[in-house]
Amino acid sequence: MTYVYISRSVCRPNEKYVGVTGNLKRRLAEHNAGKSAYTARYKPWEVETYIAFSDTEKAIAFEKYLKSGSGRAFCVRHF
């Protein structure tokens, strides 16, 4: 399974991050350990929403969509 996730900063709830991973627990731990340049300054993080895909290509395409302008609007309306 491949997961597309939306995480939210605990300290700054308006900061969100969209990502894709095969291991959600490990990736969240990496964000909270400061291993990602963007997410390090807003840690700690918690997963707000995740969607599991059996097809990795579809997961990557959905992540790319969520990072687009219309995808951000979709997130605001639905998540």
PDB file of N, CA and C in Angstrom:
ATOM      1  N   MET A   1       0.831  -1.189   0.000  1.00  0.00           N
ATOM      2  CA  MET A   1       0.000   0.000   0.000  1.00  0.00           C
ATOM      3  C   MET A   1       0.874   1.249   0.000  1.00  0.00           C
ATOM      4  N   THR A   2       0.367   2.256  -0.659  1.00  0.00           N
ATOM      5  CA  THR A   2       1.005   3.572  -0.672  1.00  0.00           C
ATOM      6  C   THR A   2       0.005   4.566  -0.117  1.00  0.00           C
ATOM      7  N   TYR A   3       0.458   5.423   0.767  1.00  0.00           N
ATOM      8  CA  TYR A   3      -0.421   6.354   1.462  1.00  0.00           C
ATOM      9  C   TYR A   3      -0.148   7.789   1.043  1.00  0.00           C
ATOM     10  N   VAL A   4      -1.219   8.517   0.767  1.00  0.00           N
ATOM     11  CA  VAL A   4      -1.150   9.961   0.609  1.00  0.00           C
ATOM     12  C   VAL A   4      -1.693  10.513   1.913  1.00  0.00           C
ATOM     13  N   TYR A   5      -0.947  11.403   2.543  1.00  0.00           N
ATOM     14  CA  TYR A   5      -1.359  11.885   3.858  1.00  0.00           C
ATOM     15  C   TYR A   5      -1.330  13.397   3.932  1.00  0.00           C
ATOM     16  N   ILE A   6      -2.165  13.907   4.809  1.00  0.00           N
ATOM     17  CA  ILE A   6      -2.173  15.332   5.132  1.00  0.00           C
ATOM     18  C   ILE A   6      -1.872  15.409   6.618  1.00  0.00           C
ATOM     19  N   SER A   7      -0.780  16.063   6.948  1.00  0.00           N
ATOM     20  CA  SER A   7      -0.435  16.219   8.356  1.00  0.00           C
ATOM     21  C   SER A   7      -0.554  17.693   8.734  1.00  0.00           C
ATOM     22  N   ARG A   8      -0.776  17.911  10.018  1.00  0.00           N
ATOM     23  CA  ARG A   8      -0.970  19.259  10.536  1.00  0.00           C
ATOM     24  C   ARG A   8       0.015  19.493  11.672  1.00  0.00           C
ATOM     25  N   SER A   9       0.576  20.682  11.716  1.00  0.00           N
ATOM     26  CA  SER A   9       1.486  21.045  12.794  1.00  0.00           C
ATOM     27  C   SER A   9       0.695  21.203  14.089  1.00  0.00           C
ATOM     28  N   VAL A  10       1.186  20.631  15.164  1.00  0.00           N
ATOM     29  CA  VAL A  10       0.521  20.750  16.466  1.00  0.00           C
ATOM     30  C   VAL A  10       0.655  22.177  16.991  1.00  0.00           C
ATOM     31  N   CYS A  11       1.824  22.771  16.811  1.00  0.00           N
ATOM     32  CA  CYS A  11       2.081  24.122  17.320  1.00  0.00           C
ATOM     33  C   CYS A  11       1.456  25.216  16.467  1.00  0.00           C
ATOM     34  N   ARG A  12       1.384  24.989  15.173  1.00  0.00           N
ATOM     35  CA  ARG A  12       0.812  25.975  14.240  1.00  0.00           C
ATOM     36  C   ARG A  12      -0.220  25.262  13.369  1.00  0.00           C
ATOM     37  N   PRO A  13      -1.444  25.106  13.870  1.00  0.00           N
ATOM     38  CA  PRO A  13      -2.465  24.309  13.192  1.00  0.00           C
ATOM     39  C   PRO A  13      -2.794  24.737  11.762  1.00  0.00           C
ATOM     40  N   ASN A  14      -2.474  25.957  11.374  1.00  0.00           N
ATOM     41  CA  ASN A  14      -2.743  26.378  10.004  1.00  0.00           C
ATOM     42  C   ASN A  14      -1.707  25.837   9.018  1.00  0.00           C
ATOM     43  N   GLU A  15      -0.596  25.312   9.520  1.00  0.00           N
ATOM     44  CA  GLU A  15       0.441  24.736   8.661  1.00  0.00           C
ATOM     45  C   GLU A  15       0.103  23.272   8.406  1.00  0.00           C
ATOM     46  N   LYS A  16       0.006  22.931   7.124  1.00  0.00           N
ATOM     47  CA  LYS A  16      -0.285  21.552   6.733  1.00  0.00           C
ATOM     48  C   LYS A  16       0.754  21.087   5.745  1.00  0.00           C
ATOM     49  N   TYR A  17       0.908  19.784   5.662  1.00  0.00           N
ATOM     50  CA  TYR A  17       1.864  19.196   4.732  1.00  0.00           C
ATOM     51  C   TYR A  17       1.208  18.005   4.062  1.00  0.00           C
ATOM     52  N   VAL A  18       1.362  17.896   2.761  1.00  0.00           N
ATOM     53  CA  VAL A  18       0.837  16.772   1.984  1.00  0.00           C
ATOM     54  C   VAL A  18       2.021  15.953   1.509  1.00  0.00           C
ATOM     55  N   GLY A  19       1.954  14.647   1.704  1.00  0.00           N
ATOM     56  CA  GLY A  19       3.049  13.782   1.276  1.00  0.00           C
ATOM     57  C   GLY A  19       2.550  12.417   0.855  1.00  0.00           C
ATOM     58  N   VAL A  20       3.473  11.604   0.385  1.00  0.00           N
ATOM     59  CA  VAL A  20       3.173  10.235  -0.035  1.00  0.00           C
ATOM     60  C   VAL A  20       4.262   9.331   0.525  1.00  0.00           C
ATOM     61  N   THR A  21       3.869   8.142   0.986  1.00  0.00           N
ATOM     62  CA  THR A  21       4.832   7.222   1.589  1.00  0.00           C
ATOM     63  C   THR A  21       4.288   5.795   1.565  1.00  0.00           C
ATOM     64  N   GLY A  22       5.181   4.860   1.717  1.00  0.00           N
ATOM     65  CA  GLY A  22       4.794   3.463   1.856  1.00  0.00           C
ATOM     66  C   GLY A  22       4.695   3.038   3.316  1.00  0.00           C
ATOM     67  N   ASN A  23       5.256   3.848   4.219  1.00  0.00           N
ATOM     68  CA  ASN A  23       5.252   3.535   5.651  1.00  0.00           C
ATOM     69  C   ASN A  23       4.899   4.810   6.417  1.00  0.00           C
ATOM     70  N   LEU A  24       3.649   4.949   6.754  1.00  0.00           N
ATOM     71  CA  LEU A  24       3.148   6.186   7.347  1.00  0.00           C
ATOM     72  C   LEU A  24       3.739   6.460   8.732  1.00  0.00           C
ATOM     73  N   LYS A  25       3.853   5.449   9.571  1.00  0.00           N
ATOM     74  CA  LYS A  25       4.403   5.652  10.921  1.00  0.00           C
ATOM     75  C   LYS A  25       5.851   6.115  10.870  1.00  0.00           C
ATOM     76  N   ARG A  26       6.638   5.491   9.992  1.00  0.00           N
ATOM     77  CA  ARG A  26       8.048   5.877   9.863  1.00  0.00           C
ATOM     78  C   ARG A  26       8.170   7.304   9.345  1.00  0.00           C
ATOM     79  N   ARG A  27       7.352   7.651   8.355  1.00  0.00           N
ATOM     80  CA  ARG A  27       7.430   8.992   7.769  1.00  0.00           C
ATOM     81  C   ARG A  27       7.043  10.071   8.777  1.00  0.00           C
ATOM     82  N   LEU A  28       6.012   9.814   9.577  1.00  0.00           N
ATOM     83  CA  LEU A  28       5.617  10.772  10.607  1.00  0.00           C
ATOM     84  C   LEU A  28       6.744  10.942  11.630  1.00  0.00           C
ATOM     85  N   ALA A  29       7.383   9.848  12.001  1.00  0.00           N
ATOM     86  CA  ALA A  29       8.520   9.919  12.931  1.00  0.00           C
ATOM     87  C   ALA A  29       9.654  10.748  12.337  1.00  0.00           C
ATOM     88  N   GLU A  30       9.894  10.617  11.031  1.00  0.00           N
ATOM     89  CA  GLU A  30      10.938  11.414  10.375  1.00  0.00           C
ATOM     90  C   GLU A  30      10.586  12.904  10.409  1.00  0.00           C
ATOM     91  N   HIS A  31       9.324  13.228  10.149  1.00  0.00           N
ATOM     92  CA  HIS A  31       8.906  14.630  10.218  1.00  0.00           C
ATOM     93  C   HIS A  31       9.119  15.184  11.630  1.00  0.00           C
ATOM     94  N   ASN A  32       8.734  14.419  12.625  1.00  0.00           N
ATOM     95  CA  ASN A  32       8.843  14.884  14.005  1.00  0.00           C
ATOM     96  C   ASN A  32      10.279  14.900  14.518  1.00  0.00           C
ATOM     97  N   ALA A  33      11.172  14.170  13.853  1.00  0.00           N
ATOM     98  CA  ALA A  33      12.593  14.187  14.218  1.00  0.00           C
ATOM     99  C   ALA A  33      13.335  15.317  13.515  1.00  0.00           C
ATOM    100  N   GLY A  34      12.652  16.032  12.625  1.00  0.00           N
ATOM    101  CA  GLY A  34      13.274  17.155  11.933  1.00  0.00           C
ATOM    102  C   GLY A  34      14.096  16.767  10.726  1.00  0.00           C
ATOM    103  N   LYS A  35      13.846  15.591  10.142  1.00  0.00           N
ATOM    104  CA  LYS A  35      14.639  15.117   9.008  1.00  0.00           C
ATOM    105  C   LYS A  35      14.209  15.705   7.668  1.00  0.00           C
ATOM    106  N   SER A  36      13.113  16.425   7.647  1.00  0.00           N
ATOM    107  CA  SER A  36      12.648  17.078   6.423  1.00  0.00           C
ATOM    108  C   SER A  36      12.825  18.587   6.601  1.00  0.00           C
ATOM    109  N   ALA A  37      13.450  19.233   5.644  1.00  0.00           N
ATOM    110  CA  ALA A  37      13.761  20.662   5.771  1.00  0.00           C
ATOM    111  C   ALA A  37      12.499  21.512   5.961  1.00  0.00           C
ATOM    112  N   TYR A  38      11.447  21.242   5.200  1.00  0.00           N
ATOM    113  CA  TYR A  38      10.237  22.059   5.310  1.00  0.00           C
ATOM    114  C   TYR A  38       9.516  21.815   6.636  1.00  0.00           C
ATOM    115  N   THR A  39       9.365  20.571   7.025  1.00  0.00           N
ATOM    116  CA  THR A  39       8.549  20.263   8.205  1.00  0.00           C
ATOM    117  C   THR A  39       9.291  20.457   9.524  1.00  0.00           C
ATOM    118  N   ALA A  40      10.605  20.565   9.497  1.00  0.00           N
ATOM    119  CA  ALA A  40      11.378  20.687  10.739  1.00  0.00           C
ATOM    120  C   ALA A  40      10.999  21.929  11.541  1.00  0.00           C
ATOM    121  N   ARG A  41      10.719  23.017  10.870  1.00  0.00           N
ATOM    122  CA  ARG A  41      10.442  24.265  11.603  1.00  0.00           C
ATOM    123  C   ARG A  41       9.046  24.326  12.213  1.00  0.00           C
ATOM    124  N   TYR A  42       8.163  23.409  11.828  1.00  0.00           N
ATOM    125  CA  TYR A  42       6.792  23.426  12.358  1.00  0.00           C
ATOM    126  C   TYR A  42       6.465  22.187  13.194  1.00  0.00           C
ATOM    127  N   LYS A  43       7.470  21.425  13.595  1.00  0.00           N
ATOM    128  CA  LYS A  43       7.207  20.196  14.350  1.00  0.00           C
ATOM    129  C   LYS A  43       6.707  20.498  15.745  1.00  0.00           C
ATOM    130  N   PRO A  44       6.001  19.636  16.379  1.00  0.00           N
ATOM    131  CA  PRO A  44       5.625  18.281  15.978  1.00  0.00           C
ATOM    132  C   PRO A  44       4.412  18.264  15.043  1.00  0.00           C
ATOM    133  N   TRP A  45       4.300  17.153  14.334  1.00  0.00           N
ATOM    134  CA  TRP A  45       3.226  16.946  13.364  1.00  0.00           C
ATOM    135  C   TRP A  45       2.325  15.808  13.800  1.00  0.00           C
ATOM    136  N   GLU A  46       1.077  15.857  13.348  1.00  0.00           N
ATOM    137  CA  GLU A  46       0.157  14.738  13.532  1.00  0.00           C
ATOM    138  C   GLU A  46      -0.573  14.516  12.219  1.00  0.00           C
ATOM    139  N   VAL A  47      -0.908  13.262  11.945  1.00  0.00           N
ATOM    140  CA  VAL A  47      -1.615  12.944  10.713  1.00  0.00           C
ATOM    141  C   VAL A  47      -3.071  13.347  10.876  1.00  0.00           C
ATOM    142  N   GLU A  48      -3.542  14.146   9.950  1.00  0.00           N
ATOM    143  CA  GLU A  48      -4.933  14.596   9.961  1.00  0.00           C
ATOM    144  C   GLU A  48      -5.798  13.653   9.131  1.00  0.00           C
ATOM    145  N   THR A  49      -5.322  13.280   7.946  1.00  0.00           N
ATOM    146  CA  THR A  49      -6.054  12.417   7.025  1.00  0.00           C
ATOM    147  C   THR A  49      -5.062  11.598   6.224  1.00  0.00           C
ATOM    148  N   TYR A  50      -5.425  10.363   5.898  1.00  0.00           N
ATOM    149  CA  TYR A  50      -4.618   9.600   4.958  1.00  0.00           C
ATOM    150  C   TYR A  50      -5.520   8.731   4.101  1.00  0.00           C
ATOM    151  N   ILE A  51      -5.072   8.477   2.879  1.00  0.00           N
ATOM    152  CA  ILE A  51      -5.797   7.661   1.930  1.00  0.00           C
ATOM    153  C   ILE A  51      -4.834   6.597   1.430  1.00  0.00           C
ATOM    154  N   ALA A  52      -5.264   5.346   1.454  1.00  0.00           N
ATOM    155  CA  ALA A  52      -4.426   4.237   1.008  1.00  0.00           C
ATOM    156  C   ALA A  52      -4.729   3.907  -0.447  1.00  0.00           C
ATOM    157  N   PHE A  53      -3.675   3.705  -1.234  1.00  0.00           N
ATOM    158  CA  PHE A  53      -3.788   3.330  -2.637  1.00  0.00           C
ATOM    159  C   PHE A  53      -3.051   2.015  -2.863  1.00  0.00           C
ATOM    160  N   SER A  54      -3.621   1.143  -3.652  1.00  0.00           N
ATOM    161  CA  SER A  54      -2.908  -0.080  -4.017  1.00  0.00           C
ATOM    162  C   SER A  54      -1.993   0.167  -5.214  1.00  0.00           C
ATOM    163  N   ASP A  55      -2.235   1.241  -5.956  1.00  0.00           N
ATOM    164  CA  ASP A  55      -1.440   1.608  -7.125  1.00  0.00           C
ATOM    165  C   ASP A  55      -0.589   2.840  -6.789  1.00  0.00           C
ATOM    166  N   THR A  56       0.723   2.674  -6.773  1.00  0.00           N
ATOM    167  CA  THR A  56       1.636   3.755  -6.409  1.00  0.00           C
ATOM    168  C   THR A  56       1.529   4.944  -7.364  1.00  0.00           C
ATOM    169  N   GLU A  57       1.376   4.686  -8.645  1.00  0.00           N
ATOM    170  CA  GLU A  57       1.267   5.784  -9.614  1.00  0.00           C
ATOM    171  C   GLU A  57       0.044   6.654  -9.341  1.00  0.00           C
ATOM    172  N   LYS A  58      -1.065   6.035  -8.971  1.00  0.00           N
ATOM    173  CA  LYS A  58      -2.274   6.802  -8.648  1.00  0.00           C
ATOM    174  C   LYS A  58      -2.067   7.619  -7.379  1.00  0.00           C
ATOM    175  N   ALA A  59      -1.353   7.057  -6.418  1.00  0.00           N
ATOM    176  CA  ALA A  59      -1.066   7.785  -5.178  1.00  0.00           C
ATOM    177  C   ALA A  59      -0.224   9.022  -5.464  1.00  0.00           C
ATOM    178  N   ILE A  60       0.792   8.875  -6.290  1.00  0.00           N
ATOM    179  CA  ILE A  60       1.660  10.000  -6.627  1.00  0.00           C
ATOM    180  C   ILE A  60       0.884  11.061  -7.391  1.00  0.00           C
ATOM    181  N   ALA A  61       0.011  10.639  -8.293  1.00  0.00           N
ATOM    182  CA  ALA A  61      -0.806  11.594  -9.048  1.00  0.00           C
ATOM    183  C   ALA A  61      -1.761  12.344  -8.120  1.00  0.00           C
ATOM    184  N   PHE A  62      -2.334  11.646  -7.133  1.00  0.00           N
ATOM    185  CA  PHE A  62      -3.254  12.297  -6.196  1.00  0.00           C
ATOM    186  C   PHE A  62      -2.505  13.283  -5.306  1.00  0.00           C
ATOM    187  N   GLU A  63      -1.311  12.918  -4.863  1.00  0.00           N
ATOM    188  CA  GLU A  63      -0.498  13.843  -4.064  1.00  0.00           C
ATOM    189  C   GLU A  63      -0.190  15.099  -4.876  1.00  0.00           C
ATOM    190  N   LYS A  64       0.188  14.921  -6.127  1.00  0.00           N
ATOM    191  CA  LYS A  64       0.487  16.059  -6.989  1.00  0.00           C
ATOM    192  C   LYS A  64      -0.743  16.955  -7.132  1.00  0.00           C
ATOM    193  N   TYR A  65      -1.911  16.349  -7.276  1.00  0.00           N
ATOM    194  CA  TYR A  65      -3.152  17.124  -7.370  1.00  0.00           C
ATOM    195  C   TYR A  65      -3.397  17.918  -6.088  1.00  0.00           C
ATOM    196  N   LEU A  66      -3.224  17.279  -4.929  1.00  0.00           N
ATOM    197  CA  LEU A  66      -3.467  17.960  -3.655  1.00  0.00           C
ATOM    198  C   LEU A  66      -2.518  19.136  -3.441  1.00  0.00           C
ATOM    199  N   LYS A  67      -1.356  19.104  -4.070  1.00  0.00           N
ATOM    200  CA  LYS A  67      -0.397  20.198  -3.940  1.00  0.00           C
ATOM    201  C   LYS A  67      -0.656  21.318  -4.944  1.00  0.00           C
ATOM    202  N   SER A  68      -1.605  21.110  -5.856  1.00  0.00           N
ATOM    203  CA  SER A  68      -1.958  22.136  -6.839  1.00  0.00           C
ATOM    204  C   SER A  68      -2.960  23.110  -6.223  1.00  0.00           C
ATOM    205  N   GLY A  69      -3.233  24.185  -6.917  1.00  0.00           N
ATOM    206  CA  GLY A  69      -4.189  25.178  -6.428  1.00  0.00           C
ATOM    207  C   GLY A  69      -5.581  24.606  -6.209  1.00  0.00           C
ATOM    208  N   SER A  70      -6.095  23.875  -7.183  1.00  0.00           N
ATOM    209  CA  SER A  70      -7.435  23.302  -7.019  1.00  0.00           C
ATOM    210  C   SER A  70      -7.431  22.188  -5.979  1.00  0.00           C
ATOM    211  N   GLY A  71      -6.307  21.492  -5.839  1.00  0.00           N
ATOM    212  CA  GLY A  71      -6.194  20.450  -4.815  1.00  0.00           C
ATOM    213  C   GLY A  71      -6.195  21.032  -3.413  1.00  0.00           C
ATOM    214  N   ARG A  72      -5.553  22.181  -3.230  1.00  0.00           N
ATOM    215  CA  ARG A  72      -5.574  22.853  -1.922  1.00  0.00           C
ATOM    216  C   ARG A  72      -7.002  23.275  -1.574  1.00  0.00           C
ATOM    217  N   ALA A  73      -7.730  23.778  -2.568  1.00  0.00           N
ATOM    218  CA  ALA A  73      -9.132  24.159  -2.338  1.00  0.00           C
ATOM    219  C   ALA A  73      -9.965  22.941  -1.985  1.00  0.00           C
ATOM    220  N   PHE A  74      -9.689  21.813  -2.638  1.00  0.00           N
ATOM    221  CA  PHE A  74     -10.368  20.547  -2.333  1.00  0.00           C
ATOM    222  C   PHE A  74     -10.129  20.158  -0.874  1.00  0.00           C
ATOM    223  N   CYS A  75      -8.894  20.279  -0.424  1.00  0.00           N
ATOM    224  CA  CYS A  75      -8.544  19.938   0.959  1.00  0.00           C
ATOM    225  C   CYS A  75      -9.298  20.810   1.957  1.00  0.00           C
ATOM    226  N   VAL A  76      -9.391  22.098   1.668  1.00  0.00           N
ATOM    227  CA  VAL A  76     -10.092  23.016   2.566  1.00  0.00           C
ATOM    228  C   VAL A  76     -11.564  22.635   2.674  1.00  0.00           C
ATOM    229  N   ARG A  77     -12.162  22.278   1.561  1.00  0.00           N
ATOM    230  CA  ARG A  77     -13.595  21.930   1.557  1.00  0.00           C
ATOM    231  C   ARG A  77     -13.882  20.589   2.214  1.00  0.00           C
ATOM    232  N   HIS A  78     -12.987  19.609   2.020  1.00  0.00           N
ATOM    233  CA  HIS A  78     -13.306  18.240   2.417  1.00  0.00           C
ATOM    234  C   HIS A  78     -12.548  17.699   3.617  1.00  0.00           C
ATOM    235  N   PHE A  79     -11.432  18.311   3.974  1.00  0.00           N
ATOM    236  CA  PHE A  79     -10.659  17.774   5.100  1.00  0.00           C
ATOM    237  C   PHE A  79     -10.588  18.789   6.177  1.00  0.00           C
TER     238      PHE A  79
END
